PDB file of N, CA and C in Angstrom:
ATOM      1  N   MET A   1       0.816  -1.192   0.000  1.00  0.00           N
ATOM      2  CA  MET A   1       0.000   0.000   0.000  1.00  0.00           C
ATOM      3  C   MET A   1       0.867   1.267   0.000  1.00  0.00           C
ATOM      4  N   VAL A   2       1.885   1.279   0.843  1.00  0.00           N
ATOM      5  CA  VAL A   2       2.765   2.444   0.922  1.00  0.00           C
ATOM      6  C   VAL A   2       3.484   2.650  -0.404  1.00  0.00           C
ATOM      7  N   MET A   3       3.908   1.562  -1.018  1.00  0.00           N
ATOM      8  CA  MET A   3       4.626   1.665  -2.288  1.00  0.00           C
ATOM      9  C   MET A   3       3.732   2.244  -3.391  1.00  0.00           C
ATOM     10  N   LYS A   4       2.450   1.896  -3.372  1.00  0.00           N
ATOM     11  CA  LYS A   4       1.522   2.451  -4.363  1.00  0.00           C
ATOM     12  C   LYS A   4       1.363   3.955  -4.174  1.00  0.00           C
ATOM     13  N   ILE A   5       1.328   4.402  -2.934  1.00  0.00           N
ATOM     14  CA  ILE A   5       1.215   5.833  -2.654  1.00  0.00           C
ATOM     15  C   ILE A   5       2.471   6.559  -3.105  1.00  0.00           C
ATOM     16  N   ILE A   6       3.637   5.985  -2.796  1.00  0.00           N
ATOM     17  CA  ILE A   6       4.907   6.589  -3.211  1.00  0.00           C
ATOM     18  C   ILE A   6       4.989   6.658  -4.730  1.00  0.00           C
ATOM     19  N   LYS A   7       4.599   5.567  -5.384  1.00  0.00           N
ATOM     20  CA  LYS A   7       4.620   5.544  -6.853  1.00  0.00           C
ATOM     21  C   LYS A   7       3.683   6.602  -7.431  1.00  0.00           C
ATOM     22  N   SER A   8       2.490   6.713  -6.867  1.00  0.00           N
ATOM     23  CA  SER A   8       1.526   7.709  -7.348  1.00  0.00           C
ATOM     24  C   SER A   8       2.061   9.128  -7.163  1.00  0.00           C
ATOM     25  N   LEU A   9       2.646   9.404  -6.015  1.00  0.00           N
ATOM     26  CA  LEU A   9       3.217  10.728  -5.762  1.00  0.00           C
ATOM     27  C   LEU A   9       4.364  11.027  -6.717  1.00  0.00           C
ATOM     28  N   TRP A  10       5.187  10.024  -6.991  1.00  0.00           N
ATOM     29  CA  TRP A  10       6.309  10.206  -7.909  1.00  0.00           C
ATOM     30  C   TRP A  10       5.796  10.507  -9.321  1.00  0.00           C
ATOM     31  N   VAL A  11       4.819   9.746  -9.772  1.00  0.00           N
ATOM     32  CA  VAL A  11       4.253   9.973 -11.109  1.00  0.00           C
ATOM     33  C   VAL A  11       3.615  11.357 -11.188  1.00  0.00           C
ATOM     34  N   VAL A  12       2.875  11.748 -10.164  1.00  0.00           N
ATOM     35  CA  VAL A  12       2.258  13.077 -10.151  1.00  0.00           C
ATOM     36  C   VAL A  12       3.330  14.161 -10.195  1.00  0.00           C
ATOM     37  N   ALA A  13       4.395  13.999  -9.420  1.00  0.00           N
ATOM     38  CA  ALA A  13       5.475  14.993  -9.410  1.00  0.00           C
ATOM     39  C   ALA A  13       6.128  15.110 -10.787  1.00  0.00           C
ATOM     40  N   THR A  14       6.342  13.985 -11.461  1.00  0.00           N
ATOM     41  CA  THR A  14       6.946  14.045 -12.792  1.00  0.00           C
ATOM     42  C   THR A  14       5.997  14.679 -13.800  1.00  0.00           C
ATOM     43  N   LEU A  15       4.707  14.410 -13.657  1.00  0.00           N
ATOM     44  CA  LEU A  15       3.729  15.039 -14.556  1.00  0.00           C
ATOM     45  C   LEU A  15       3.648  16.547 -14.318  1.00  0.00           C
ATOM     46  N   ILE A  16       3.779  16.968 -13.078  1.00  0.00           N
ATOM     47  CA  ILE A  16       3.809  18.405 -12.786  1.00  0.00           C
ATOM     48  C   ILE A  16       5.001  19.050 -13.478  1.00  0.00           C
ATOM     49  N   VAL A  17       6.158  18.388 -13.406  1.00  0.00           N
ATOM     50  CA  VAL A  17       7.339  18.912 -14.099  1.00  0.00           C
ATOM     51  C   VAL A  17       7.050  19.034 -15.598  1.00  0.00           C
ATOM     52  N   LEU A  18       6.446  18.010 -16.181  1.00  0.00           N
ATOM     53  CA  LEU A  18       6.126  18.046 -17.611  1.00  0.00           C
ATOM     54  C   LEU A  18       5.153  19.172 -17.940  1.00  0.00           C
ATOM     55  N   PHE A  19       4.058  19.277 -17.194  1.00  0.00           N
ATOM     56  CA  PHE A  19       3.044  20.284 -17.497  1.00  0.00           C
ATOM     57  C   PHE A  19       3.578  21.708 -17.318  1.00  0.00           C
ATOM     58  N   VAL A  20       4.341  21.942 -16.253  1.00  0.00           N
ATOM     59  CA  VAL A  20       4.936  23.268 -16.058  1.00  0.00           C
ATOM     60  C   VAL A  20       5.902  23.585 -17.192  1.00  0.00           C
ATOM     61  N   THR A  21       6.677  22.591 -17.586  1.00  0.00           N
ATOM     62  CA  THR A  21       7.635  22.778 -18.680  1.00  0.00           C
ATOM     63  C   THR A  21       6.918  23.148 -19.966  1.00  0.00           C
ATOM     64  N   LEU A  22       5.899  22.385 -20.317  1.00  0.00           N
ATOM     65  CA  LEU A  22       5.187  22.647 -21.566  1.00  0.00           C
ATOM     66  C   LEU A  22       4.416  23.968 -21.507  1.00  0.00           C
ATOM     67  N   TYR A  23       3.863  24.290 -20.360  1.00  0.00           N
ATOM     68  CA  TYR A  23       3.122  25.544 -20.215  1.00  0.00           C
ATOM     69  C   TYR A  23       4.057  26.755 -20.300  1.00  0.00           C
ATOM     70  N   ALA A  24       5.231  26.636 -19.685  1.00  0.00           N
ATOM     71  CA  ALA A  24       6.163  27.772 -19.621  1.00  0.00           C
ATOM     72  C   ALA A  24       7.051  27.892 -20.860  1.00  0.00           C
ATOM     73  N   PHE A  25       7.014  26.898 -21.732  1.00  0.00           N
ATOM     74  CA  PHE A  25       7.845  26.962 -22.938  1.00  0.00           C
ATOM     75  C   PHE A  25       7.422  28.158 -23.774  1.00  0.00           C
ATOM     76  N   ASP A  26       8.376  29.022 -24.086  1.00  0.00           N
ATOM     77  CA  ASP A  26       8.073  30.278 -24.775  1.00  0.00           C
ATOM     78  C   ASP A  26       8.216  30.209 -26.294  1.00  0.00           C
ATOM     79  N   GLY A  27       8.498  29.044 -26.830  1.00  0.00           N
ATOM     80  CA  GLY A  27       8.598  28.891 -28.275  1.00  0.00           C
ATOM     81  C   GLY A  27       9.959  29.235 -28.842  1.00  0.00           C
ATOM     82  N   GLN A  28      10.864  29.704 -28.000  1.00  0.00           N
ATOM     83  CA  GLN A  28      12.209  30.023 -28.468  1.00  0.00           C
ATOM     84  C   GLN A  28      13.001  28.736 -28.681  1.00  0.00           C
ATOM     85  N   SER A  29      13.844  28.720 -29.695  1.00  0.00           N
ATOM     86  CA  SER A  29      14.563  27.487 -30.026  1.00  0.00           C
ATOM     87  C   SER A  29      15.623  27.121 -28.992  1.00  0.00           C
ATOM     88  N   PHE A  30      16.069  28.068 -28.181  1.00  0.00           N
ATOM     89  CA  PHE A  30      17.016  27.760 -27.104  1.00  0.00           C
ATOM     90  C   PHE A  30      16.462  28.281 -25.782  1.00  0.00           C
ATOM     91  N   SER A  31      15.262  27.861 -25.467  1.00  0.00           N
ATOM     92  CA  SER A  31      14.546  28.301 -24.281  1.00  0.00           C
ATOM     93  C   SER A  31      15.225  27.797 -23.004  1.00  0.00           C
ATOM     94  N   ASP A  32      15.139  28.601 -21.957  1.00  0.00           N
ATOM     95  CA  ASP A  32      15.722  28.220 -20.663  1.00  0.00           C
ATOM     96  C   ASP A  32      14.848  27.237 -19.887  1.00  0.00           C
ATOM     97  N   ILE A  33      13.697  26.865 -20.423  1.00  0.00           N
ATOM     98  CA  ILE A  33      12.838  25.924 -19.717  1.00  0.00           C
ATOM     99  C   ILE A  33      13.513  24.560 -19.583  1.00  0.00           C
ATOM    100  N   TRP A  34      14.530  24.305 -20.427  1.00  0.00           N
ATOM    101  CA  TRP A  34      15.324  23.078 -20.288  1.00  0.00           C
ATOM    102  C   TRP A  34      15.892  22.954 -18.881  1.00  0.00           C
ATOM    103  N   VAL A  35      16.286  24.090 -18.313  1.00  0.00           N
ATOM    104  CA  VAL A  35      16.887  24.078 -16.976  1.00  0.00           C
ATOM    105  C   VAL A  35      15.888  23.525 -15.960  1.00  0.00           C
ATOM    106  N   PHE A  36      14.649  24.006 -16.015  1.00  0.00           N
ATOM    107  CA  PHE A  36      13.622  23.513 -15.099  1.00  0.00           C
ATOM    108  C   PHE A  36      13.369  22.024 -15.303  1.00  0.00           C
ATOM    109  N   LEU A  37      13.184  21.629 -16.554  1.00  0.00           N
ATOM    110  CA  LEU A  37      12.930  20.222 -16.854  1.00  0.00           C
ATOM    111  C   LEU A  37      14.085  19.343 -16.382  1.00  0.00           C
ATOM    112  N   THR A  38      15.294  19.750 -16.698  1.00  0.00           N
ATOM    113  CA  THR A  38      16.461  18.941 -16.347  1.00  0.00           C
ATOM    114  C   THR A  38      16.609  18.808 -14.838  1.00  0.00           C
ATOM    115  N   TRP A  39      16.546  19.920 -14.111  1.00  0.00           N
ATOM    116  CA  TRP A  39      16.717  19.837 -12.660  1.00  0.00           C
ATOM    117  C   TRP A  39      15.570  19.089 -11.997  1.00  0.00           C
ATOM    118  N   GLY A  40      14.346  19.334 -12.438  1.00  0.00           N
ATOM    119  CA  GLY A  40      13.213  18.631 -11.848  1.00  0.00           C
ATOM    120  C   GLY A  40      13.303  17.129 -12.027  1.00  0.00           C
ATOM    121  N   MET A  41      13.584  16.707 -13.242  1.00  0.00           N
ATOM    122  CA  MET A  41      13.645  15.272 -13.517  1.00  0.00           C
ATOM    123  C   MET A  41      14.955  14.664 -13.021  1.00  0.00           C
ATOM    124  N   LEU A  42      16.014  15.453 -12.970  1.00  0.00           N
ATOM    125  CA  LEU A  42      17.282  14.967 -12.422  1.00  0.00           C
ATOM    126  C   LEU A  42      17.097  14.564 -10.961  1.00  0.00           C
ATOM    127  N   ILE A  43      16.375  15.388 -10.223  1.00  0.00           N
ATOM    128  CA  ILE A  43      16.121  15.094  -8.812  1.00  0.00           C
ATOM    129  C   ILE A  43      15.199  13.889  -8.669  1.00  0.00           C
ATOM    130  N   LEU A  44      14.119  13.848  -9.437  1.00  0.00           N
ATOM    131  CA  LEU A  44      13.139  12.768  -9.295  1.00  0.00           C
ATOM    132  C   LEU A  44      13.647  11.429  -9.793  1.00  0.00           C
ATOM    133  N   SER A  45      14.581  11.439 -10.726  1.00  0.00           N
ATOM    134  CA  SER A  45      15.073  10.186 -11.312  1.00  0.00           C
ATOM    135  C   SER A  45      16.511   9.876 -10.913  1.00  0.00           C
ATOM    136  N   PHE A  46      17.013  10.581  -9.909  1.00  0.00           N
ATOM    137  CA  PHE A  46      18.381  10.369  -9.454  1.00  0.00           C
ATOM    138  C   PHE A  46      18.529   8.945  -8.923  1.00  0.00           C
ATOM    139  N   PRO A  47      19.598   8.259  -9.140  1.00  0.00           N
ATOM    140  CA  PRO A  47      20.864   8.613  -9.752  1.00  0.00           C
ATOM    141  C   PRO A  47      20.970   8.295 -11.244  1.00  0.00           C
ATOM    142  N   LEU A  48      20.053   7.495 -11.796  1.00  0.00           N
ATOM    143  CA  LEU A  48      20.156   7.145 -13.222  1.00  0.00           C
ATOM    144  C   LEU A  48      20.008   8.356 -14.134  1.00  0.00           C
ATOM    145  N   SER A  49      19.373   9.405 -13.634  1.00  0.00           N
ATOM    146  CA  SER A  49      19.211  10.607 -14.444  1.00  0.00           C
ATOM    147  C   SER A  49      20.558  11.244 -14.789  1.00  0.00           C
ATOM    148  N   LEU A  50      21.564  10.937 -14.004  1.00  0.00           N
ATOM    149  CA  LEU A  50      22.901  11.459 -14.298  1.00  0.00           C
ATOM    150  C   LEU A  50      23.411  10.942 -15.639  1.00  0.00           C
ATOM    151  N   VAL A  51      22.960   9.765 -16.049  1.00  0.00           N
ATOM    152  CA  VAL A  51      23.349   9.212 -17.345  1.00  0.00           C
ATOM    153  C   VAL A  51      22.837  10.107 -18.470  1.00  0.00           C
ATOM    154  N   VAL A  52      21.597  10.574 -18.349  1.00  0.00           N
ATOM    155  CA  VAL A  52      21.022  11.455 -19.369  1.00  0.00           C
ATOM    156  C   VAL A  52      21.817  12.756 -19.437  1.00  0.00           C
ATOM    157  N   SER A  53      22.133  13.308 -18.285  1.00  0.00           N
ATOM    158  CA  SER A  53      22.912  14.543 -18.261  1.00  0.00           C
ATOM    159  C   SER A  53      24.300  14.340 -18.840  1.00  0.00           C
ATOM    160  N   LEU A  54      24.904  13.203 -18.573  1.00  0.00           N
ATOM    161  CA  LEU A  54      26.222  12.892 -19.129  1.00  0.00           C
ATOM    162  C   LEU A  54      26.157  12.789 -20.650  1.00  0.00           C
ATOM    163  N   VAL A  55      25.122  12.158 -21.168  1.00  0.00           N
ATOM    164  CA  VAL A  55      24.956  12.047 -22.621  1.00  0.00           C
ATOM    165  C   VAL A  55      24.789  13.441 -23.237  1.00  0.00           C
ATOM    166  N   HIS A  56      24.007  14.300 -22.590  1.00  0.00           N
ATOM    167  CA  HIS A  56      23.855  15.680 -23.079  1.00  0.00           C
ATOM    168  C   HIS A  56      25.199  16.403 -23.101  1.00  0.00           C
ATOM    169  N   TYR A  57      25.951  16.228 -22.039  1.00  0.00           N
ATOM    170  CA  TYR A  57      27.258  16.879 -21.958  1.00  0.00           C
ATOM    171  C   TYR A  57      28.175  16.388 -23.072  1.00  0.00           C
ATOM    172  N   ILE A  58      28.208  15.081 -23.272  1.00  0.00           N
ATOM    173  CA  ILE A  58      29.070  14.511 -24.312  1.00  0.00           C
ATOM    174  C   ILE A  58      28.654  14.988 -25.695  1.00  0.00           C
ATOM    175  N   LEU A  59      27.360  14.966 -25.975  1.00  0.00           N
ATOM    176  CA  LEU A  59      26.878  15.421 -27.284  1.00  0.00           C
ATOM    177  C   LEU A  59      27.213  16.886 -27.532  1.00  0.00           C
ATOM    178  N   GLY A  60      27.011  17.706 -26.509  1.00  0.00           N
ATOM    179  CA  GLY A  60      27.236  19.129 -26.683  1.00  0.00           C
ATOM    180  C   GLY A  60      28.693  19.530 -26.654  1.00  0.00           C
ATOM    181  N   ASP A  61      29.442  18.983 -25.716  1.00  0.00           N
ATOM    182  CA  ASP A  61      30.818  19.419 -25.527  1.00  0.00           C
ATOM    183  C   ASP A  61      31.796  18.714 -26.463  1.00  0.00           C
ATOM    184  N   TRP A  62      31.650  17.432 -26.628  1.00  0.00           N
ATOM    185  CA  TRP A  62      32.602  16.669 -27.443  1.00  0.00           C
ATOM    186  C   TRP A  62      32.265  16.723 -28.923  1.00  0.00           C
ATOM    187  N   PHE A  63      30.969  16.657 -29.247  1.00  0.00           N
ATOM    188  CA  PHE A  63      30.557  16.566 -30.650  1.00  0.00           C
ATOM    189  C   PHE A  63      29.881  17.831 -31.166  1.00  0.00           C
ATOM    190  N   SER A  64      29.763  18.852 -30.337  1.00  0.00           N
ATOM    191  CA  SER A  64      29.139  20.131 -30.697  1.00  0.00           C
ATOM    192  C   SER A  64      27.727  19.963 -31.266  1.00  0.00           C
ATOM    193  N   ILE A  65      27.002  18.992 -30.741  1.00  0.00           N
ATOM    194  CA  ILE A  65      25.624  18.764 -31.161  1.00  0.00           C
ATOM    195  C   ILE A  65      24.709  19.506 -30.194  1.00  0.00           C
ATOM    196  N   THR A  66      23.907  20.389 -30.715  1.00  0.00           N
ATOM    197  CA  THR A  66      22.934  21.089 -29.884  1.00  0.00           C
ATOM    198  C   THR A  66      21.535  20.711 -30.345  1.00  0.00           C
ATOM    199  N   ILE A  67      20.658  20.614 -29.381  1.00  0.00           N
ATOM    200  CA  ILE A  67      19.282  20.247 -29.668  1.00  0.00           C
ATOM    201  C   ILE A  67      18.418  21.477 -29.427  1.00  0.00           C
ATOM    202  N   GLN A  68      17.724  21.911 -30.455  1.00  0.00           N
ATOM    203  CA  GLN A  68      16.859  23.065 -30.298  1.00  0.00           C
ATOM    204  C   GLN A  68      15.630  22.676 -29.485  1.00  0.00           C
ATOM    205  N   THR A  69      15.228  23.578 -28.641  1.00  0.00           N
ATOM    206  CA  THR A  69      14.087  23.327 -27.778  1.00  0.00           C
ATOM    207  C   THR A  69      12.798  23.395 -28.582  1.00  0.00           C
ATOM    208  N   SER A  70      11.990  22.366 -28.437  1.00  0.00           N
ATOM    209  CA  SER A  70      10.669  22.315 -29.054  1.00  0.00           C
ATOM    210  C   SER A  70       9.783  21.464 -28.153  1.00  0.00           C
ATOM    211  N   TYR A  71       8.518  21.479 -28.420  1.00  0.00           N
ATOM    212  CA  TYR A  71       7.628  20.627 -27.632  1.00  0.00           C
ATOM    213  C   TYR A  71       8.033  19.164 -27.760  1.00  0.00           C
ATOM    214  N   LEU A  72       8.445  18.766 -28.960  1.00  0.00           N
ATOM    215  CA  LEU A  72       8.864  17.386 -29.187  1.00  0.00           C
ATOM    216  C   LEU A  72      10.118  17.063 -28.385  1.00  0.00           C
ATOM    217  N   SER A  73      11.122  17.925 -28.438  1.00  0.00           N
ATOM    218  CA  SER A  73      12.367  17.641 -27.722  1.00  0.00           C
ATOM    219  C   SER A  73      12.141  17.632 -26.208  1.00  0.00           C
ATOM    220  N   LEU A  74      11.288  18.511 -25.715  1.00  0.00           N
ATOM    221  CA  LEU A  74      10.970  18.512 -24.286  1.00  0.00           C
ATOM    222  C   LEU A  74      10.239  17.232 -23.889  1.00  0.00           C
ATOM    223  N   GLY A  75       9.308  16.802 -24.726  1.00  0.00           N
ATOM    224  CA  GLY A  75       8.567  15.567 -24.446  1.00  0.00           C
ATOM    225  C   GLY A  75       9.457  14.338 -24.477  1.00  0.00           C
ATOM    226  N   ILE A  76      10.351  14.288 -25.445  1.00  0.00           N
ATOM    227  CA  ILE A  76      11.272  13.149 -25.531  1.00  0.00           C
ATOM    228  C   ILE A  76      12.191  13.125 -24.324  1.00  0.00           C
ATOM    229  N   GLU A  77      12.718  14.281 -23.966  1.00  0.00           N
ATOM    230  CA  GLU A  77      13.608  14.389 -22.808  1.00  0.00           C
ATOM    231  C   GLU A  77      12.908  13.935 -21.532  1.00  0.00           C
ATOM    232  N   TRP A  78      11.690  14.423 -21.335  1.00  0.00           N
ATOM    233  CA  TRP A  78      10.926  14.041 -20.150  1.00  0.00           C
ATOM    234  C   TRP A  78      10.671  12.533 -20.146  1.00  0.00           C
ATOM    235  N   THR A  79      10.329  11.981 -21.294  1.00  0.00           N
ATOM    236  CA  THR A  79      10.045  10.547 -21.392  1.00  0.00           C
ATOM    237  C   THR A  79      11.268   9.718 -21.025  1.00  0.00           C
ATOM    238  N   ILE A  80      12.433  10.131 -21.484  1.00  0.00           N
ATOM    239  CA  ILE A  80      13.659   9.396 -21.164  1.00  0.00           C
ATOM    240  C   ILE A  80      13.909   9.415 -19.661  1.00  0.00           C
ATOM    241  N   TYR A  81      13.821  10.607 -19.056  1.00  0.00           N
ATOM    242  CA  TYR A  81      13.992  10.702 -17.604  1.00  0.00           C
ATOM    243  C   TYR A  81      12.936   9.878 -16.871  1.00  0.00           C
ATOM    244  N   PHE A  82      11.694   9.959 -17.337  1.00  0.00           N
ATOM    245  CA  PHE A  82      10.599   9.248 -16.684  1.00  0.00           C
ATOM    246  C   PHE A  82      10.828   7.738 -16.710  1.00  0.00           C
ATOM    247  N   VAL A  83      11.138   7.210 -17.879  1.00  0.00           N
ATOM    248  CA  VAL A  83      11.332   5.762 -18.012  1.00  0.00           C
ATOM    249  C   VAL A  83      12.499   5.294 -17.149  1.00  0.00           C
ATOM    250  N   LEU A  84      13.617   6.003 -17.215  1.00  0.00           N
ATOM    251  CA  LEU A  84      14.764   5.617 -16.386  1.00  0.00           C
ATOM    252  C   LEU A  84      14.424   5.657 -14.903  1.00  0.00           C
ATOM    253  N   GLY A  85      13.772   6.726 -14.474  1.00  0.00           N
ATOM    254  CA  GLY A  85      13.411   6.845 -13.070  1.00  0.00           C
ATOM    255  C   GLY A  85      12.416   5.790 -12.633  1.00  0.00           C
ATOM    256  N   TYR A  86      11.404   5.556 -13.464  1.00  0.00           N
ATOM    257  CA  TYR A  86      10.385   4.561 -13.121  1.00  0.00           C
ATOM    258  C   TYR A  86      10.992   3.164 -13.006  1.00  0.00           C
ATOM    259  N   VAL A  87      11.789   2.790 -13.992  1.00  0.00           N
ATOM    260  CA  VAL A  87      12.417   1.460 -13.969  1.00  0.00           C
ATOM    261  C   VAL A  87      13.323   1.329 -12.755  1.00  0.00           C
ATOM    262  N   GLN A  88      14.083   2.372 -12.491  1.00  0.00           N
ATOM    263  CA  GLN A  88      15.016   2.327 -11.371  1.00  0.00           C
ATOM    264  C   GLN A  88      14.298   2.210 -10.032  1.00  0.00           C
ATOM    265  N   TRP A  89      13.281   3.042  -9.798  1.00  0.00           N
ATOM    266  CA  TRP A  89      12.630   3.098  -8.488  1.00  0.00           C
ATOM    267  C   TRP A  89      11.555   2.041  -8.283  1.00  0.00           C
ATOM    268  N   PHE A  90      10.839   1.657  -9.345  1.00  0.00           N
ATOM    269  CA  PHE A  90       9.664   0.811  -9.149  1.00  0.00           C
ATOM    270  C   PHE A  90       9.742  -0.553  -9.814  1.00  0.00           C
ATOM    271  N   VAL A  91      10.854  -0.850 -10.481  1.00  0.00           N
ATOM    272  CA  VAL A  91      11.064  -2.180 -11.051  1.00  0.00           C
ATOM    273  C   VAL A  91      12.338  -2.786 -10.465  1.00  0.00           C
ATOM    274  N   SER A  92      13.466  -2.157 -10.735  1.00  0.00           N
ATOM    275  CA  SER A  92      14.760  -2.710 -10.316  1.00  0.00           C
ATOM    276  C   SER A  92      14.950  -2.709  -8.804  1.00  0.00           C
ATOM    277  N   LEU A  93      14.694  -1.586  -8.162  1.00  0.00           N
ATOM    278  CA  LEU A  93      14.907  -1.501  -6.718  1.00  0.00           C
ATOM    279  C   LEU A  93      14.045  -2.498  -5.942  1.00  0.00           C
ATOM    280  N   PRO A  94      12.737  -2.631  -6.234  1.00  0.00           N
ATOM    281  CA  PRO A  94      11.954  -3.646  -5.521  1.00  0.00           C
ATOM    282  C   PRO A  94      12.467  -5.075  -5.770  1.00  0.00           C
ATOM    283  N   GLN A  95      12.930  -5.359  -6.986  1.00  0.00           N
ATOM    284  CA  GLN A  95      13.487  -6.687  -7.256  1.00  0.00           C
ATOM    285  C   GLN A  95      14.753  -6.925  -6.446  1.00  0.00           C
ATOM    286  N   LEU A  96      15.633  -5.939  -6.404  1.00  0.00           N
ATOM    287  CA  LEU A  96      16.852  -6.068  -5.610  1.00  0.00           C
ATOM    288  C   LEU A  96      16.535  -6.205  -4.128  1.00  0.00           C
ATOM    289  N   TRP A  97      15.564  -5.453  -3.658  1.00  0.00           N
ATOM    290  CA  TRP A  97      15.163  -5.529  -2.257  1.00  0.00           C
ATOM    291  C   TRP A  97      14.625  -6.927  -1.920  1.00  0.00           C
ATOM    292  N   SER A  98      13.807  -7.490  -2.807  1.00  0.00           N
ATOM    293  CA  SER A  98      13.269  -8.841  -2.578  1.00  0.00           C
ATOM    294  C   SER A  98      14.376  -9.879  -2.540  1.00  0.00           C
ATOM    295  N   LYS A  99      15.321  -9.763  -3.464  1.00  0.00           N
ATOM    296  CA  LYS A  99      16.447 -10.702  -3.474  1.00  0.00           C
ATOM    297  C   LYS A  99      17.285 -10.568  -2.218  1.00  0.00           C
ATOM    298  N   TRP A 100      17.492  -9.348  -1.765  1.00  0.00           N
ATOM    299  CA  TRP A 100      18.297  -9.125  -0.574  1.00  0.00           C
ATOM    300  C   TRP A 100      17.597  -9.695   0.659  1.00  0.00           C
ATOM    301  N   LYS A 101      16.289  -9.502   0.763  1.00  0.00           N
ATOM    302  CA  LYS A 101      15.531 -10.045   1.883  1.00  0.00           C
ATOM    303  C   LYS A 101      15.529 -11.572   1.833  1.00  0.00           C
ATOM    304  N   ALA A 102      15.370 -12.162   0.652  1.00  0.00           N
ATOM    305  CA  ALA A 102      15.378 -13.614   0.522  1.00  0.00           C
ATOM    306  C   ALA A 102      16.738 -14.182   0.901  1.00  0.00           C
ATOM    307  N   ARG A 103      17.775 -13.505   0.511  1.00  0.00           N
ATOM    308  CA  ARG A 103      19.127 -13.953   0.843  1.00  0.00           C
ATOM    309  C   ARG A 103      19.359 -13.872   2.344  1.00  0.00           C
ATOM    310  N   LYS A 104      18.836 -12.849   2.964  1.00  0.00           N
ATOM    311  CA  LYS A 104      18.989 -12.670   4.402  1.00  0.00           C
ATOM    312  C   LYS A 104      18.256 -13.773   5.163  1.00  0.00           C
ATOM    313  N   VAL A 105      17.063 -14.161   4.677  1.00  0.00           N
ATOM    314  CA  VAL A 105      16.277 -15.219   5.298  1.00  0.00           C
ATOM    315  C   VAL A 105      16.998 -16.557   5.178  1.00  0.00           C
ATOM    316  N   VAL A 106      17.545 -16.848   3.994  1.00  0.00           N
ATOM    317  CA  VAL A 106      18.264 -18.095   3.759  1.00  0.00           C
ATOM    318  C   VAL A 106      19.510 -18.147   4.633  1.00  0.00           C
ATOM    319  N   ARG A 107      20.184 -17.050   4.772  1.00  0.00           N
ATOM    320  CA  ARG A 107      21.405 -16.991   5.572  1.00  0.00           C
ATOM    321  C   ARG A 107      21.119 -17.219   7.056  1.00  0.00           C
ATOM    322  N   ASN A 108      19.940 -16.805   7.538  1.00  0.00           N
ATOM    323  CA  ASN A 108      19.584 -16.951   8.945  1.00  0.00           C
ATOM    324  C   ASN A 108      19.128 -18.371   9.293  1.00  0.00           C
ATOM    325  N   LYS A 109      18.858 -19.203   8.312  1.00  0.00           N
ATOM    326  CA  LYS A 109      18.366 -20.571   8.593  1.00  0.00           C
ATOM    327  C   LYS A 109      19.464 -21.493   8.940  1.00  0.00           C
TER     328      LYS A 109
END
C-alpha cells in the first residue's frame, strides 16, 4: 500500500514537471525551460538521471551537437527521464530488495 502511494506521488510529481515545462515553454529554439525540466527530472530520477545529463554533456561538448528546444524535444527528454526513473525506483529496486531479503532469510536458517 505504501509503495503504491509513493509511486503515485512520484508519477504526479513528474507530470507536474512536464506540465509546467510545456506551459512555460516560450517557443524560443534555445529556451531556458530546459533548466527547469532537467533539474526537476534529475532530482526525481536520481541517480540514473545522471546518465542522461552525461549524454547531453558529451553530445554538446565533445561533438558540438545542440538540440533546439521544441515541444517534441521537451517531451522526448521528459520521457527518457521518466522511463529511467520509473524502472530504477519501481522495477529494479523492488526486485533487488526482494532478493536481498530472501538472501537474508536463507542466511539466517
